[in-house]
N, C-alpha and C. Protein backbone atom coordinates (compact mmCIF):
# COMPACT_ATOMS: atom_id res chain seq x y z
N MET A 1 55.11 138.98 75.56
CA MET A 1 56.55 138.75 75.58
C MET A 1 56.96 137.87 76.91
N ALA A 2 57.54 136.79 76.76
CA ALA A 2 57.75 136.13 77.60
C ALA A 2 58.79 136.59 78.83
N GLU A 3 58.30 136.33 80.19
CA GLU A 3 59.40 136.67 81.24
C GLU A 3 60.46 136.17 81.31
N THR A 4 61.90 136.38 81.65
CA THR A 4 63.10 135.51 81.84
C THR A 4 62.89 135.33 83.44
N ALA A 5 63.22 133.99 83.52
CA ALA A 5 63.28 133.21 84.71
C ALA A 5 64.20 133.83 85.80
N THR A 6 64.25 134.09 86.60
CA THR A 6 65.31 134.59 87.54
C THR A 6 65.77 133.77 88.84
N VAL A 7 66.61 133.47 89.22
CA VAL A 7 67.19 132.65 90.52
C VAL A 7 67.68 133.47 91.68
N PRO A 8 67.06 133.45 92.63
CA PRO A 8 67.59 133.85 94.04
C PRO A 8 69.20 133.51 94.33
N VAL A 9 70.09 134.47 94.38
CA VAL A 9 71.42 134.10 94.99
C VAL A 9 71.78 135.15 95.83
N LYS A 10 72.66 134.69 96.86
CA LYS A 10 72.93 135.34 98.23
C LYS A 10 74.10 136.07 97.66
N ALA A 11 73.92 137.40 97.84
CA ALA A 11 75.53 138.49 97.53
C ALA A 11 76.29 138.23 98.64
N GLU A 12 77.66 139.04 98.33
CA GLU A 12 78.57 138.63 99.33
C GLU A 12 78.27 139.69 101.00
N ASN A 13 77.05 140.74 100.59
CA ASN A 13 76.98 141.71 101.63
C ASN A 13 76.02 140.85 102.24
N GLY A 14 75.40 139.75 101.81
CA GLY A 14 74.13 138.87 102.84
C GLY A 14 72.87 139.41 102.26
N HIS A 15 72.85 140.04 101.41
CA HIS A 15 71.62 140.33 100.65
C HIS A 15 71.24 139.39 99.70
N VAL A 16 70.06 139.18 99.45
CA VAL A 16 69.66 138.26 98.40
C VAL A 16 69.21 139.28 97.15
N ARG A 17 70.09 138.72 95.99
CA ARG A 17 69.71 139.40 94.78
C ARG A 17 69.07 138.27 93.52
N LYS A 18 68.55 138.55 92.46
CA LYS A 18 68.30 137.66 91.75
C LYS A 18 69.17 137.73 90.32
N ARG A 19 69.46 136.53 89.98
CA ARG A 19 70.50 136.55 88.63
C ARG A 19 69.42 135.61 87.71
N GLU A 20 70.09 135.94 86.40
CA GLU A 20 69.44 135.13 85.45
C GLU A 20 70.20 133.76 85.29
N PRO A 21 69.65 132.86 85.20
CA PRO A 21 70.59 131.38 84.75
C PRO A 21 71.79 131.30 83.91
N LEU A 22 71.70 132.18 82.57
CA LEU A 22 72.64 132.11 81.68
C LEU A 22 73.77 132.82 82.39
N GLU A 23 73.83 133.83 82.97
CA GLU A 23 74.67 134.57 84.02
C GLU A 23 75.48 133.69 84.84
N MET A 24 74.66 132.78 85.41
CA MET A 24 75.51 131.76 86.23
C MET A 24 76.20 130.74 85.31
N PHE A 25 75.80 130.58 84.27
CA PHE A 25 76.56 129.54 83.53
C PHE A 25 77.98 130.43 82.81
N GLU A 26 77.96 131.71 82.59
CA GLU A 26 79.00 132.38 82.17
C GLU A 26 80.11 132.46 83.25
N ALA A 27 79.44 132.73 84.44
CA ALA A 27 80.55 132.81 85.71
C ALA A 27 81.02 131.34 85.87
N LEU A 28 80.17 130.28 85.56
CA LEU A 28 80.98 128.99 86.01
C LEU A 28 82.07 128.61 85.01
N GLN A 29 81.80 129.17 83.79
CA GLN A 29 82.73 129.09 82.58
C GLN A 29 83.87 129.83 82.66
N ASP A 30 83.89 131.07 83.27
CA ASP A 30 84.95 132.05 83.66
C ASP A 30 85.84 131.20 84.88
N GLU A 31 85.06 130.69 85.64
CA GLU A 31 85.45 129.95 86.57
C GLU A 31 86.43 128.50 86.39
N MET A 32 85.82 127.90 85.62
CA MET A 32 86.29 126.63 84.82
C MET A 32 87.81 127.23 84.19
N THR A 33 87.67 128.40 83.18
CA THR A 33 88.85 128.60 82.57
C THR A 33 90.11 129.25 83.22
N ARG A 34 89.63 129.80 84.39
CA ARG A 34 90.70 130.06 85.34
C ARG A 34 91.36 129.13 85.93
N LEU A 35 90.28 127.52 86.25
CA LEU A 35 90.94 126.71 86.99
C LEU A 35 91.94 125.82 86.26
N TRP A 36 92.00 125.48 84.76
CA TRP A 36 92.28 125.16 83.94
C TRP A 36 93.51 125.51 83.13
N SER A 37 93.66 126.96 83.52
CA SER A 37 94.94 127.39 83.22
C SER A 37 96.01 127.78 84.32
N GLN A 38 95.82 127.03 85.28
CA GLN A 38 96.47 127.19 86.54
C GLN A 38 97.78 125.87 86.20
N THR A 39 98.97 126.13 87.20
CA THR A 39 99.88 125.13 87.03
C THR A 39 99.53 124.32 88.03
N TRP A 40 99.43 122.83 87.61
CA TRP A 40 99.20 121.83 88.60
C TRP A 40 100.37 121.34 89.29
N PRO A 41 100.37 121.04 90.60
CA PRO A 41 101.59 120.69 91.13
C PRO A 41 101.64 119.13 91.17
N PHE A 42 100.56 118.47 90.95
CA PHE A 42 100.95 117.14 90.98
C PHE A 42 100.91 116.44 89.32
N GLY A 43 101.09 117.27 88.56
CA GLY A 43 101.25 117.15 87.34
C GLY A 43 99.99 116.48 86.57
N GLY A 44 98.92 116.68 86.81
CA GLY A 44 97.53 116.20 86.23
C GLY A 44 97.34 116.55 84.89
N MET A 45 97.69 117.91 84.79
CA MET A 45 97.52 119.07 83.57
C MET A 45 98.62 118.50 82.79
N PRO A 46 98.37 118.35 81.51
CA PRO A 46 99.51 118.11 80.52
C PRO A 46 100.32 119.43 80.22
N PHE A 47 99.40 120.38 80.12
CA PHE A 47 100.23 121.69 79.79
C PHE A 47 99.79 122.70 80.62
N SER A 48 100.65 123.92 80.90
CA SER A 48 100.25 125.03 81.76
C SER A 48 100.69 126.30 81.15
N ARG A 49 100.18 127.20 81.23
CA ARG A 49 100.73 128.79 80.90
C ARG A 49 101.48 129.69 81.87
N ARG A 50 102.64 129.89 81.99
CA ARG A 50 103.07 130.70 82.73
C ARG A 50 104.20 131.80 82.14
N MET A 51 104.19 132.98 82.13
CA MET A 51 104.73 134.17 81.61
C MET A 51 104.75 134.22 80.22
N GLY A 52 103.43 133.71 79.72
CA GLY A 52 103.40 133.59 78.18
C GLY A 52 104.11 132.58 77.39
N GLN A 53 104.76 131.43 78.30
CA GLN A 53 105.46 130.37 77.62
C GLN A 53 104.81 129.46 78.21
N LEU A 54 104.58 127.93 77.17
CA LEU A 54 104.24 126.67 77.35
C LEU A 54 105.54 125.86 77.93
N PHE A 55 104.73 125.33 79.21
CA PHE A 55 105.70 124.43 79.76
C PHE A 55 105.05 122.78 80.01
N GLN A 56 105.87 121.89 80.00
CA GLN A 56 105.12 120.62 80.03
C GLN A 56 105.31 120.41 81.28
N ALA A 57 104.23 119.88 82.03
CA ALA A 57 103.94 119.56 83.33
C ALA A 57 104.56 117.93 83.18
N PRO A 58 105.24 117.43 84.54
CA PRO A 58 105.23 115.86 84.44
C PRO A 58 104.02 115.15 84.22
N ALA A 59 104.37 114.28 83.66
CA ALA A 59 103.09 113.23 82.80
C ALA A 59 102.60 112.29 83.94
N ILE A 60 101.36 111.97 83.85
CA ILE A 60 100.78 110.97 84.68
C ILE A 60 99.76 110.60 83.63
N TRP A 61 99.73 109.36 83.34
CA TRP A 61 98.95 108.69 82.26
C TRP A 61 98.43 107.73 82.75
N SER A 62 97.21 107.01 81.96
CA SER A 62 96.50 105.67 82.57
C SER A 62 96.55 105.10 81.27
N PRO A 63 97.08 103.85 81.70
CA PRO A 63 96.86 102.75 80.89
C PRO A 63 95.61 102.08 80.34
N ARG A 64 95.48 101.91 79.31
CA ARG A 64 94.15 100.81 78.77
C ARG A 64 94.33 99.50 79.58
N VAL A 65 93.10 99.25 79.94
CA VAL A 65 93.16 98.11 80.88
C VAL A 65 91.96 97.18 80.25
N ASP A 66 92.05 96.17 80.08
CA ASP A 66 90.82 95.17 79.64
C ASP A 66 90.58 94.29 80.98
N VAL A 67 89.31 94.13 81.10
CA VAL A 67 88.87 93.20 82.34
C VAL A 67 88.00 92.02 81.64
N PHE A 68 88.30 90.89 81.80
CA PHE A 68 87.09 89.96 81.40
C PHE A 68 87.15 88.30 82.21
N GLU A 69 86.43 87.60 81.98
CA GLU A 69 86.37 86.53 82.86
C GLU A 69 86.80 85.54 81.63
N LYS A 70 87.56 84.26 82.30
CA LYS A 70 87.96 83.33 81.40
C LYS A 70 88.34 82.04 82.13
N ASP A 71 87.84 81.07 81.98
CA ASP A 71 88.42 79.70 82.64
C ASP A 71 88.16 79.68 84.31
N ASN A 72 87.15 80.62 84.79
CA ASN A 72 86.82 80.65 86.14
C ASN A 72 87.60 81.58 86.71
N SER A 73 88.21 82.62 86.09
CA SER A 73 89.32 83.44 86.45
C SER A 73 89.13 85.05 86.19
N LEU A 74 89.38 85.59 86.77
CA LEU A 74 89.40 87.18 86.17
C LEU A 74 90.56 87.49 85.67
N VAL A 75 90.55 87.89 84.38
CA VAL A 75 91.84 88.11 83.58
C VAL A 75 91.90 90.02 83.57
N VAL A 76 93.09 90.37 83.72
CA VAL A 76 93.08 92.00 83.77
C VAL A 76 94.17 92.09 82.69
N LYS A 77 94.09 92.94 81.59
CA LYS A 77 95.42 93.07 80.52
C LYS A 77 95.39 94.51 80.51
N ALA A 78 96.70 95.24 80.77
CA ALA A 78 97.16 96.64 80.93
C ALA A 78 98.05 96.63 79.74
N GLU A 79 98.06 97.39 79.00
CA GLU A 79 98.89 98.08 77.84
C GLU A 79 100.08 99.15 78.54
N LEU A 80 101.08 98.44 78.54
CA LEU A 80 102.28 99.25 79.26
C LEU A 80 103.53 99.58 78.46
N PRO A 81 103.37 100.09 77.40
CA PRO A 81 104.25 100.40 76.48
C PRO A 81 105.28 101.16 76.83
N GLY A 82 106.72 101.01 76.81
CA GLY A 82 107.86 101.63 77.43
C GLY A 82 108.10 101.61 78.57
N THR A 83 107.49 100.32 79.65
CA THR A 83 107.64 99.97 80.49
C THR A 83 108.33 99.32 81.00
N ARG A 84 109.34 98.93 82.07
CA ARG A 84 110.16 97.82 82.25
C ARG A 84 109.45 96.91 83.30
N ARG A 85 109.58 95.77 83.27
CA ARG A 85 109.32 94.83 84.44
C ARG A 85 109.42 95.16 85.55
N GLU A 86 110.42 95.70 85.98
CA GLU A 86 110.95 96.13 87.41
C GLU A 86 110.40 97.39 87.95
N ASP A 87 109.62 97.96 86.80
CA ASP A 87 109.37 99.41 87.23
C ASP A 87 107.75 99.16 87.51
N ILE A 88 107.11 97.92 87.31
CA ILE A 88 105.79 97.71 87.76
C ILE A 88 105.49 97.06 89.08
N GLU A 89 104.37 97.64 89.68
CA GLU A 89 103.95 96.94 90.98
C GLU A 89 102.62 96.26 90.89
N VAL A 90 102.33 95.37 91.47
CA VAL A 90 101.03 94.72 91.45
C VAL A 90 100.54 94.49 92.72
N THR A 91 99.70 94.85 93.12
CA THR A 91 99.10 94.55 94.72
C THR A 91 97.81 94.51 94.99
N LEU A 92 97.35 93.54 95.99
CA LEU A 92 96.22 93.20 96.27
C LEU A 92 96.03 93.78 97.61
N ASP A 93 94.78 94.60 97.66
CA ASP A 93 94.51 95.60 99.01
C ASP A 93 93.31 95.81 99.11
N ARG A 94 92.78 95.02 100.04
CA ARG A 94 91.26 95.12 100.60
C ARG A 94 90.47 94.92 99.46
N GLY A 95 90.61 93.63 98.69
CA GLY A 95 89.65 93.38 97.81
C GLY A 95 89.97 94.26 96.35
N ASP A 96 90.75 95.07 96.43
CA ASP A 96 91.23 95.79 95.22
C ASP A 96 92.66 95.46 94.55
N LEU A 97 92.38 95.48 93.04
CA LEU A 97 93.73 95.18 92.46
C LEU A 97 94.36 96.45 92.31
N MET A 98 95.65 96.72 92.70
CA MET A 98 96.16 98.12 91.95
C MET A 98 97.43 97.66 91.29
N LEU A 99 97.35 98.40 90.28
CA LEU A 99 98.68 98.41 89.37
C LEU A 99 99.13 100.00 89.32
N ARG A 100 100.25 99.97 89.53
CA ARG A 100 101.11 101.33 89.71
C ARG A 100 102.25 100.81 88.96
N GLY A 101 103.26 101.87 88.64
CA GLY A 101 104.52 101.87 87.98
C GLY A 101 104.83 103.36 87.30
N GLU A 102 106.00 103.17 86.66
CA GLU A 102 106.44 104.44 85.89
C GLU A 102 107.23 103.95 84.43
N ARG A 103 106.96 104.51 83.47
CA ARG A 103 107.60 104.12 82.17
C ARG A 103 108.54 105.07 81.68
N LYS A 104 109.86 104.82 81.42
CA LYS A 104 111.08 105.67 80.68
C LYS A 104 111.36 105.27 79.72
N ALA A 105 111.15 105.81 78.38
CA ALA A 105 111.43 105.41 77.25
C ALA A 105 112.11 106.26 76.32
N GLU A 106 113.33 106.02 75.84
CA GLU A 106 113.73 107.07 74.77
C GLU A 106 114.12 106.44 73.60
N SER A 107 114.02 107.10 72.12
CA SER A 107 114.38 106.79 70.89
C SER A 107 115.10 107.72 70.28
N GLU A 108 116.28 107.37 69.74
CA GLU A 108 117.39 108.08 69.16
C GLU A 108 117.32 107.65 68.10
N VAL A 109 117.35 108.68 66.79
CA VAL A 109 117.91 108.24 65.42
C VAL A 109 118.79 109.26 64.92
N LYS A 110 119.95 108.93 64.48
CA LYS A 110 121.17 109.24 64.04
C LYS A 110 121.11 109.24 62.63
N GLU A 111 121.24 110.15 61.39
CA GLU A 111 121.62 109.86 60.42
C GLU A 111 122.59 111.14 59.95
N GLU A 112 122.99 110.97 58.46
CA GLU A 112 123.65 111.99 58.10
C GLU A 112 123.37 113.56 58.47
N HIS A 113 122.20 113.94 57.80
CA HIS A 113 121.57 115.11 57.86
C HIS A 113 120.22 115.27 58.76
N TYR A 114 120.20 114.28 59.76
CA TYR A 114 119.00 113.99 60.68
C TYR A 114 119.13 113.69 61.95
N TYR A 115 118.59 114.09 63.11
CA TYR A 115 118.69 113.66 64.25
C TYR A 115 117.38 113.88 64.88
N ARG A 116 116.88 112.61 65.71
CA ARG A 116 115.73 113.01 66.48
C ARG A 116 115.97 112.20 67.55
N MET A 117 115.52 113.10 68.96
CA MET A 117 115.53 112.14 70.00
C MET A 117 114.11 112.35 70.85
N GLU A 118 113.51 111.36 71.24
CA GLU A 118 112.00 111.39 71.57
C GLU A 118 112.28 110.54 72.99
N ARG A 119 111.45 111.14 73.93
CA ARG A 119 111.44 110.81 75.31
C ARG A 119 110.16 110.46 75.78
N SER A 120 109.78 109.69 76.39
CA SER A 120 108.23 109.44 76.98
C SER A 120 108.33 109.05 78.40
N TYR A 121 107.97 109.47 79.32
CA TYR A 121 107.86 108.97 80.62
C TYR A 121 106.82 109.68 81.44
N GLY A 122 106.57 108.86 82.54
CA GLY A 122 105.34 109.42 83.50
C GLY A 122 105.07 107.96 84.41
N SER A 123 104.49 108.69 85.25
CA SER A 123 103.92 107.26 86.05
C SER A 123 102.11 107.02 86.09
N PHE A 124 101.94 105.74 86.41
CA PHE A 124 100.29 105.10 86.20
C PHE A 124 100.15 105.05 87.65
N TYR A 125 98.91 104.72 88.18
CA TYR A 125 98.19 104.26 88.95
C TYR A 125 96.73 103.67 88.62
N ARG A 126 96.44 102.44 88.78
CA ARG A 126 94.81 102.18 88.42
C ARG A 126 94.56 101.14 89.77
N ARG A 127 93.25 101.46 90.17
CA ARG A 127 92.85 100.60 91.25
C ARG A 127 91.32 99.92 90.81
N LEU A 128 91.32 98.80 90.64
CA LEU A 128 90.31 98.05 90.24
C LEU A 128 89.84 97.19 91.17
N PRO A 129 88.39 97.30 91.46
CA PRO A 129 87.72 96.79 92.65
C PRO A 129 87.06 95.47 91.91
N LEU A 130 87.76 94.19 92.76
CA LEU A 130 87.48 92.81 92.29
C LEU A 130 85.96 92.03 92.60
N GLY A 131 85.32 92.72 93.62
CA GLY A 131 84.09 92.31 93.87
C GLY A 131 83.81 90.61 94.49
N PHE A 132 84.93 90.13 94.74
CA PHE A 132 85.04 89.10 95.61
C PHE A 132 86.34 89.09 96.08
N ASP A 133 86.55 88.02 97.10
CA ASP A 133 87.60 88.10 98.07
C ASP A 133 88.64 86.94 97.22
N ALA A 134 89.72 87.38 96.74
CA ALA A 134 90.85 86.55 95.91
C ALA A 134 91.80 85.94 96.89
N ASP A 135 92.64 85.09 96.59
CA ASP A 135 93.63 84.83 97.67
C ASP A 135 95.04 84.86 96.79
N PRO A 136 95.44 85.93 97.23
CA PRO A 136 96.77 86.30 96.65
C PRO A 136 97.72 85.32 96.32
N THR A 137 98.01 84.33 96.74
CA THR A 137 99.03 83.29 96.55
C THR A 137 98.61 82.87 95.26
N LYS A 138 97.41 82.59 94.63
CA LYS A 138 96.82 81.87 93.34
C LYS A 138 96.79 83.15 92.25
N ILE A 139 97.21 84.20 92.75
CA ILE A 139 96.94 85.12 91.60
C ILE A 139 98.69 85.11 90.96
N VAL A 140 98.52 85.06 89.37
CA VAL A 140 99.57 85.41 88.57
C VAL A 140 99.75 86.38 87.46
N ALA A 141 100.50 87.10 87.65
CA ALA A 141 101.13 88.26 86.78
C ALA A 141 102.25 88.02 86.04
N THR A 142 102.41 88.02 84.44
CA THR A 142 103.06 88.08 83.57
C THR A 142 103.07 89.43 82.71
N PHE A 143 104.35 89.58 82.34
CA PHE A 143 104.62 90.83 81.50
C PHE A 143 105.28 90.53 80.00
N VAL A 144 104.93 90.75 79.29
CA VAL A 144 105.34 90.11 77.87
C VAL A 144 105.23 91.21 76.83
N ASP A 145 106.06 91.74 76.00
CA ASP A 145 105.73 92.93 74.92
C ASP A 145 105.15 93.77 75.42
N GLY A 146 105.36 94.46 76.54
CA GLY A 146 104.54 95.82 76.88
C GLY A 146 103.27 95.36 77.43
N VAL A 147 102.63 94.04 77.51
CA VAL A 147 101.36 93.85 77.99
C VAL A 147 101.27 92.98 79.54
N LEU A 148 101.03 93.52 80.39
CA LEU A 148 100.52 93.10 81.55
C LEU A 148 99.64 92.15 81.57
N GLU A 149 99.56 90.91 82.24
CA GLU A 149 98.37 90.34 82.16
C GLU A 149 98.18 89.77 83.70
N VAL A 150 97.38 89.55 84.32
CA VAL A 150 97.10 89.20 85.82
C VAL A 150 95.93 88.41 85.74
N ARG A 151 96.03 87.32 86.02
CA ARG A 151 94.87 86.25 86.39
C ARG A 151 94.60 85.86 87.76
N ILE A 152 93.39 86.22 88.16
CA ILE A 152 93.02 86.19 89.42
C ILE A 152 92.00 84.96 89.63
N PRO A 153 92.15 83.73 90.20
CA PRO A 153 91.39 82.89 90.32
C PRO A 153 89.99 83.35 90.98
N LYS A 154 88.85 82.96 90.42
CA LYS A 154 87.72 83.54 91.45
C LYS A 154 87.45 82.02 92.39
N PRO A 155 87.09 82.57 93.65
CA PRO A 155 86.60 81.55 94.67
C PRO A 155 85.67 80.54 94.05
N THR A 156 85.63 79.54 94.38
CA THR A 156 84.83 78.46 94.18
C THR A 156 83.48 78.87 95.25
N GLU A 157 82.55 78.75 94.35
CA GLU A 157 81.28 78.66 95.12
C GLU A 157 80.80 77.31 95.83
N VAL A 158 80.53 77.20 97.10
CA VAL A 158 80.13 76.16 97.41
C VAL A 158 78.49 76.14 97.66
N GLU A 159 77.85 75.32 96.64
CA GLU A 159 76.72 75.02 96.75
C GLU A 159 75.78 74.42 97.84
N THR A 160 75.24 75.21 98.41
CA THR A 160 74.61 75.13 99.75
C THR A 160 73.22 74.25 99.62
N LYS A 161 72.89 73.30 100.34
CA LYS A 161 71.51 72.71 100.28
C LYS A 161 70.92 73.01 101.42
N ALA A 162 69.51 72.99 101.09
CA ALA A 162 68.66 73.45 102.30
C ALA A 162 68.60 72.42 103.50
N GLN A 163 68.97 72.75 104.69
CA GLN A 163 69.07 71.83 105.66
C GLN A 163 68.08 72.13 106.66
N LYS A 164 67.21 71.19 107.42
CA LYS A 164 66.47 71.55 108.32
C LYS A 164 66.83 71.67 109.67
N ILE A 165 66.67 72.81 110.23
CA ILE A 165 67.44 73.08 111.61
C ILE A 165 66.22 72.86 112.57
N GLN A 166 66.59 72.03 113.66
CA GLN A 166 65.43 71.64 114.76
C GLN A 166 65.40 73.08 115.87
N VAL A 167 64.37 73.22 116.02
CA VAL A 167 63.84 74.37 117.08
C VAL A 167 63.90 73.83 118.70
N SER A 168 64.46 74.01 119.48
CA SER A 168 64.11 73.41 120.66
C SER A 168 63.66 74.39 121.68
């Protein structure tokens, strides 16, 4: 009969006792269940349980972002449906491109025997490292039909030729 492996674990009283590995996973699962059932003050959790009722927490969403190179520029496209141009902020900070903003959208349908009102809202924040030093005066950002496009020209690489340096 195979012997079950055990792992030494320090107990609360300071004494070392042995636990089976699966017992540790069960404890981890219990702790994760407790963690995910809490109400998060920063709104990162979409739902939380309190007194048996389901409450919607403030939404934080992360827009889909595509990053690619085109014509010696880095192009960043972010899908921002329901966001207005004046609610978007694009910043260059220490070599990182930061996109942040908030969306507030309402949709209302009124018919004779039918009424529907939908709202979507939430803030977003994305920080994208560029990997090169960009000139902020040459960055162009446009917002058309819910898509933010930021074009960041890549710096031109100066080709250096080998030069002999005289030693004195």
